[in-house]
Amino acid sequence: MDVIKVITEEVPQIIVTGIVGPQGPGVQWRGAWDSETEYAPNDVVGYMGKTWITEEGCIGKEPGVDPEWELFMDVGDIDGGSL
């Protein structure tokens, strides 16, 4: 592990770098959730102001209700929900 100390005029920062891990599978943005669309693993949808990801893939399963979907990001998580 390398430690790099960067000093700026405003705030000193310490940056820690390490070994880069393997590339993950990535995600696929599918737009607004649709009950008739078949979703594959790692598909991400928007529904009820939040984004959801499925690890298993599914069809007709509602984000936030059915366990096939996990919360990926809530708009409130970014900048106090101002987006």
Protein backbone atom coordinates (compact mmCIF):
# COMPACT_ATOMS: atom_id res chain seq x y z
CA MET A 1 0.00 0.00 0.00
CA ASP A 2 1.28 3.45 -0.89
CA VAL A 3 0.48 6.57 1.06
CA ILE A 4 0.68 9.87 -0.75
CA LYS A 5 0.36 13.11 1.16
CA VAL A 6 -0.95 15.98 -0.91
CA ILE A 7 -0.79 19.46 0.57
CA THR A 8 -2.89 22.13 -1.02
CA GLU A 9 -3.28 25.74 0.04
CA GLU A 10 -6.71 24.97 1.48
CA VAL A 11 -6.73 21.53 3.11
CA PRO A 12 -4.04 18.88 3.44
CA GLN A 13 -5.20 15.50 2.15
CA ILE A 14 -3.87 12.00 2.60
CA ILE A 15 -4.57 9.63 -0.27
CA VAL A 16 -4.19 5.90 0.36
CA THR A 17 -3.83 3.67 -2.67
CA GLY A 18 -3.68 -0.09 -2.83
CA ILE A 19 -3.96 -3.02 -5.16
CA VAL A 20 -6.73 -2.71 -7.71
CA GLY A 21 -9.24 -5.54 -7.46
CA PRO A 22 -10.94 -7.40 -10.30
CA GLN A 23 -13.49 -5.64 -12.47
CA GLY A 24 -17.05 -6.18 -11.23
CA PRO A 25 -19.94 -7.25 -13.46
CA GLY A 26 -21.29 -3.73 -13.96
CA VAL A 27 -24.93 -2.75 -14.13
CA GLN A 28 -27.39 -2.05 -16.91
CA TRP A 29 -29.77 0.93 -16.64
CA ARG A 30 -33.20 -0.16 -17.90
CA GLY A 31 -35.19 3.03 -17.27
CA ALA A 32 -38.54 3.09 -15.49
CA TRP A 33 -39.71 -0.24 -14.03
CA ASP A 34 -42.35 -2.05 -16.10
CA SER A 35 -44.23 -5.05 -14.72
CA GLU A 36 -44.18 -6.75 -18.14
CA THR A 37 -40.44 -6.41 -18.79
CA GLU A 38 -38.05 -9.29 -18.10
CA TYR A 39 -35.03 -8.13 -16.12
CA ALA A 40 -31.62 -9.81 -16.04
CA PRO A 41 -29.19 -9.91 -13.11
CA ASN A 42 -27.64 -6.48 -12.40
CA ASP A 43 -30.40 -4.57 -14.19
CA VAL A 44 -31.19 -1.24 -12.54
CA VAL A 45 -34.58 0.50 -12.78
CA GLY A 46 -36.22 3.64 -11.49
CA TYR A 47 -39.40 3.23 -9.44
CA MET A 48 -41.18 5.49 -6.95
CA GLY A 49 -38.32 8.03 -6.86
CA LYS A 50 -35.63 5.45 -6.13
CA THR A 51 -33.35 3.18 -8.13
CA TRP A 52 -33.41 -0.58 -7.64
CA ILE A 53 -31.13 -3.45 -8.69
CA THR A 54 -31.94 -7.12 -9.19
CA GLU A 55 -29.29 -9.76 -8.56
CA GLU A 56 -31.34 -12.70 -9.82
CA GLY A 57 -33.36 -11.26 -12.67
CA CYS A 58 -37.14 -11.34 -12.65
CA ILE A 59 -40.40 -10.43 -14.37
CA GLY A 60 -43.49 -8.94 -12.77
CA LYS A 61 -41.79 -8.48 -9.38
CA GLU A 62 -42.26 -5.01 -7.90
CA PRO A 63 -39.26 -3.08 -6.55
CA GLY A 64 -39.60 -2.29 -2.87
CA VAL A 65 -42.16 -5.07 -2.43
CA ASP A 66 -40.60 -8.26 -3.76
CA PRO A 67 -37.22 -9.54 -2.47
CA GLU A 68 -35.77 -9.88 -5.99
CA TRP A 69 -35.06 -6.13 -5.90
CA GLU A 70 -32.63 -4.31 -3.60
CA LEU A 71 -32.43 -0.56 -3.12
CA PHE A 72 -29.56 0.72 -5.26
CA MET A 73 -29.84 4.45 -4.55
CA ASP A 74 -32.38 6.83 -3.08
CA VAL A 75 -32.38 10.36 -4.52
CA GLY A 76 -32.36 11.56 -0.91
CA ASP A 77 -28.88 9.99 -0.60
CA ILE A 78 -27.46 12.64 -2.93
CA ASP A 79 -27.11 16.26 -1.88
CA GLY A 80 -30.01 16.08 0.57
CA GLY A 81 -32.45 15.01 -2.15
CA SER A 82 -32.11 18.16 -4.25
CA LEU A 83 -31.72 16.29 -7.52
